[in-house]
Amino acid sequence: MTESELAAAQQLMQLSDEDNNNNSSSSSNKNTKHEGEEVDQRPLINVITWAKIEEIFGKEEDVDRPKKRRYRSLASIYLTSKPVNAGSAHGKKVRTF
């Protein structure tokens, strides 16, 4: 999965969460820990979002990537090299028609 697909999936998850939480108060990302203290819940939301993305699309290791070519193709070799006469290597002249 590409980074752009992950970003799109995360944005969709955020938009769906916003629709679900539309009626809640503006301090929905904060919880009270003790008297008067507020704890930011955004990191927890990011973890949950990534868990949902991995659940839908699978983990990144599971993605089949195209194999990396180890060798140049013959077409690219022929395009970048100049023709060589077979007989010129042995000192003989090759007659062409």
C-alpha atoms as a PDB file:
ATOM      1  CA  MET A   1       0.000   0.000   0.000  1.00  0.00           C
ATOM      2  CA  THR A   2       1.362   3.388  -0.906  1.00  0.00           C
ATOM      3  CA  GLU A   3       1.670   6.343   1.415  1.00  0.00           C
ATOM      4  CA  SER A   4      -1.005   8.234  -0.513  1.00  0.00           C
ATOM      5  CA  GLU A   5      -3.474   5.369  -0.030  1.00  0.00           C
ATOM      6  CA  LEU A   6      -2.701   5.288   3.695  1.00  0.00           C
ATOM      7  CA  ALA A   7      -3.166   9.055   3.919  1.00  0.00           C
ATOM      8  CA  ALA A   8      -6.490   8.811   2.081  1.00  0.00           C
ATOM      9  CA  ALA A   9      -7.664   6.001   4.351  1.00  0.00           C
ATOM     10  CA  GLN A  10      -6.669   7.961   7.439  1.00  0.00           C
ATOM     11  CA  GLN A  11      -8.491  11.029   6.163  1.00  0.00           C
ATOM     12  CA  LEU A  12     -11.621   8.958   5.542  1.00  0.00           C
ATOM     13  CA  MET A  13     -11.425   7.572   9.067  1.00  0.00           C
ATOM     14  CA  GLN A  14     -11.076  11.074  10.481  1.00  0.00           C
ATOM     15  CA  LEU A  15     -14.030  12.334   8.474  1.00  0.00           C
ATOM     16  CA  SER A  16     -16.209   9.434   9.621  1.00  0.00           C
ATOM     17  CA  ASP A  17     -15.164  10.067  13.220  1.00  0.00           C
ATOM     18  CA  GLU A  18     -16.074  13.741  12.827  1.00  0.00           C
ATOM     19  CA  ASP A  19     -19.535  12.795  11.552  1.00  0.00           C
ATOM     20  CA  ASN A  20     -20.046  10.416  14.479  1.00  0.00           C
ATOM     21  CA  ASN A  21     -18.862  12.981  17.017  1.00  0.00           C
ATOM     22  CA  ASN A  22     -20.631  15.965  15.462  1.00  0.00           C
ATOM     23  CA  ASN A  23     -23.077  16.268  18.381  1.00  0.00           C
ATOM     24  CA  SER A  24     -20.443  15.991  21.121  1.00  0.00           C
ATOM     25  CA  SER A  25     -18.799  18.922  22.870  1.00  0.00           C
ATOM     26  CA  SER A  26     -15.693  20.702  21.594  1.00  0.00           C
ATOM     27  CA  SER A  27     -13.506  19.113  24.282  1.00  0.00           C
ATOM     28  CA  SER A  28     -14.129  15.569  23.002  1.00  0.00           C
ATOM     29  CA  ASN A  29     -10.409  14.884  22.555  1.00  0.00           C
ATOM     30  CA  LYS A  30      -9.678  15.540  26.227  1.00  0.00           C
ATOM     31  CA  ASN A  31     -10.429  13.482  29.317  1.00  0.00           C
ATOM     32  CA  THR A  32     -10.125  14.512  32.931  1.00  0.00           C
ATOM     33  CA  LYS A  33      -7.435  12.570  34.733  1.00  0.00           C
ATOM     34  CA  HIS A  34      -7.795  14.052  38.196  1.00  0.00           C
ATOM     35  CA  GLU A  35      -9.414  17.148  39.556  1.00  0.00           C
ATOM     36  CA  GLY A  36      -9.117  19.812  36.897  1.00  0.00           C
ATOM     37  CA  GLU A  37      -6.367  18.050  34.897  1.00  0.00           C
ATOM     38  CA  GLU A  38      -7.011  17.308  31.254  1.00  0.00           C
ATOM     39  CA  VAL A  39      -5.264  14.590  29.243  1.00  0.00           C
ATOM     40  CA  ASP A  40      -4.976  14.846  25.480  1.00  0.00           C
ATOM     41  CA  GLN A  41      -6.440  11.743  23.783  1.00  0.00           C
ATOM     42  CA  ARG A  42      -5.192  12.478  20.240  1.00  0.00           C
ATOM     43  CA  PRO A  43      -2.282   9.975  20.359  1.00  0.00           C
ATOM     44  CA  LEU A  44      -4.751   7.268  21.396  1.00  0.00           C
ATOM     45  CA  ILE A  45      -7.041   8.241  18.514  1.00  0.00           C
ATOM     46  CA  ASN A  46      -4.095   7.994  16.071  1.00  0.00           C
ATOM     47  CA  VAL A  47      -3.291   4.489  17.356  1.00  0.00           C
ATOM     48  CA  ILE A  48      -6.911   3.447  16.930  1.00  0.00           C
ATOM     49  CA  THR A  49      -7.039   4.981  13.442  1.00  0.00           C
ATOM     50  CA  TRP A  50      -3.902   3.131  12.334  1.00  0.00           C
ATOM     51  CA  ALA A  51      -5.280  -0.092  13.794  1.00  0.00           C
ATOM     52  CA  LYS A  52      -8.455   0.364  11.729  1.00  0.00           C
ATOM     53  CA  ILE A  53      -6.429   1.113   8.587  1.00  0.00           C
ATOM     54  CA  GLU A  54      -4.321  -2.023   9.122  1.00  0.00           C
ATOM     55  CA  GLU A  55      -7.492  -4.015   9.733  1.00  0.00           C
ATOM     56  CA  ILE A  56      -9.007  -2.835   6.453  1.00  0.00           C
ATOM     57  CA  PHE A  57      -5.927  -2.867   4.206  1.00  0.00           C
ATOM     58  CA  GLY A  58      -3.633  -5.283   6.029  1.00  0.00           C
ATOM     59  CA  LYS A  59      -0.193  -4.635   7.409  1.00  0.00           C
ATOM     60  CA  GLU A  60       2.471  -3.071   5.225  1.00  0.00           C
ATOM     61  CA  GLU A  61       4.619  -6.227   5.265  1.00  0.00           C
ATOM     62  CA  ASP A  62       1.777  -8.194   3.653  1.00  0.00           C
ATOM     63  CA  VAL A  63       1.744  -6.006   0.557  1.00  0.00           C
ATOM     64  CA  ASP A  64       3.215  -7.670  -2.524  1.00  0.00           C
ATOM     65  CA  ARG A  65       5.699  -5.344  -4.107  1.00  0.00           C
ATOM     66  CA  PRO A  66       7.001  -5.800  -7.633  1.00  0.00           C
ATOM     67  CA  LYS A  67      10.300  -7.634  -7.766  1.00  0.00           C
ATOM     68  CA  LYS A  68      13.362  -5.504  -8.286  1.00  0.00           C
ATOM     69  CA  ARG A  69      15.073  -6.210 -11.593  1.00  0.00           C
ATOM     70  CA  ARG A  70      18.628  -7.388 -11.143  1.00  0.00           C
ATOM     71  CA  TYR A  71      19.700  -7.147 -14.757  1.00  0.00           C
ATOM     72  CA  ARG A  72      19.257  -4.674 -17.595  1.00  0.00           C
ATOM     73  CA  SER A  73      16.937  -5.688 -20.379  1.00  0.00           C
ATOM     74  CA  LEU A  74      18.437  -6.604 -23.752  1.00  0.00           C
ATOM     75  CA  ALA A  75      16.497  -3.777 -25.374  1.00  0.00           C
ATOM     76  CA  SER A  76      18.166  -1.174 -23.131  1.00  0.00           C
ATOM     77  CA  ILE A  77      21.604  -2.693 -23.792  1.00  0.00           C
ATOM     78  CA  TYR A  78      21.060  -2.621 -27.570  1.00  0.00           C
ATOM     79  CA  LEU A  79      19.813   0.978 -27.403  1.00  0.00           C
ATOM     80  CA  THR A  80      22.853   2.231 -25.491  1.00  0.00           C
ATOM     81  CA  SER A  81      25.586   0.285 -27.275  1.00  0.00           C
ATOM     82  CA  LYS A  82      26.869   0.654 -30.811  1.00  0.00           C
ATOM     83  CA  PRO A  83      26.873  -2.277 -33.245  1.00  0.00           C
ATOM     84  CA  VAL A  84      30.004  -4.400 -33.431  1.00  0.00           C
ATOM     85  CA  ASN A  85      31.010  -6.462 -36.479  1.00  0.00           C
ATOM     86  CA  ALA A  86      31.504 -10.118 -35.565  1.00  0.00           C
ATOM     87  CA  GLY A  87      34.490 -10.627 -37.876  1.00  0.00           C
ATOM     88  CA  SER A  88      36.364  -7.477 -36.888  1.00  0.00           C
ATOM     89  CA  ALA A  89      37.397  -9.005 -33.601  1.00  0.00           C
ATOM     90  CA  HIS A  90      39.553 -11.621 -35.403  1.00  0.00           C
ATOM     91  CA  GLY A  91      41.110  -9.267 -37.930  1.00  0.00           C
ATOM     92  CA  LYS A  92      38.936 -10.490 -40.800  1.00  0.00           C
ATOM     93  CA  LYS A  93      36.830  -8.236 -42.906  1.00  0.00           C
ATOM     94  CA  VAL A  94      33.170  -9.099 -43.045  1.00  0.00           C
ATOM     95  CA  ARG A  95      31.488  -8.511 -46.336  1.00  0.00           C
ATOM     96  CA  THR A  96      28.082  -6.913 -46.091  1.00  0.00           C
ATOM     97  CA  PHE A  97      25.548  -6.916 -48.917  1.00  0.00           C
END
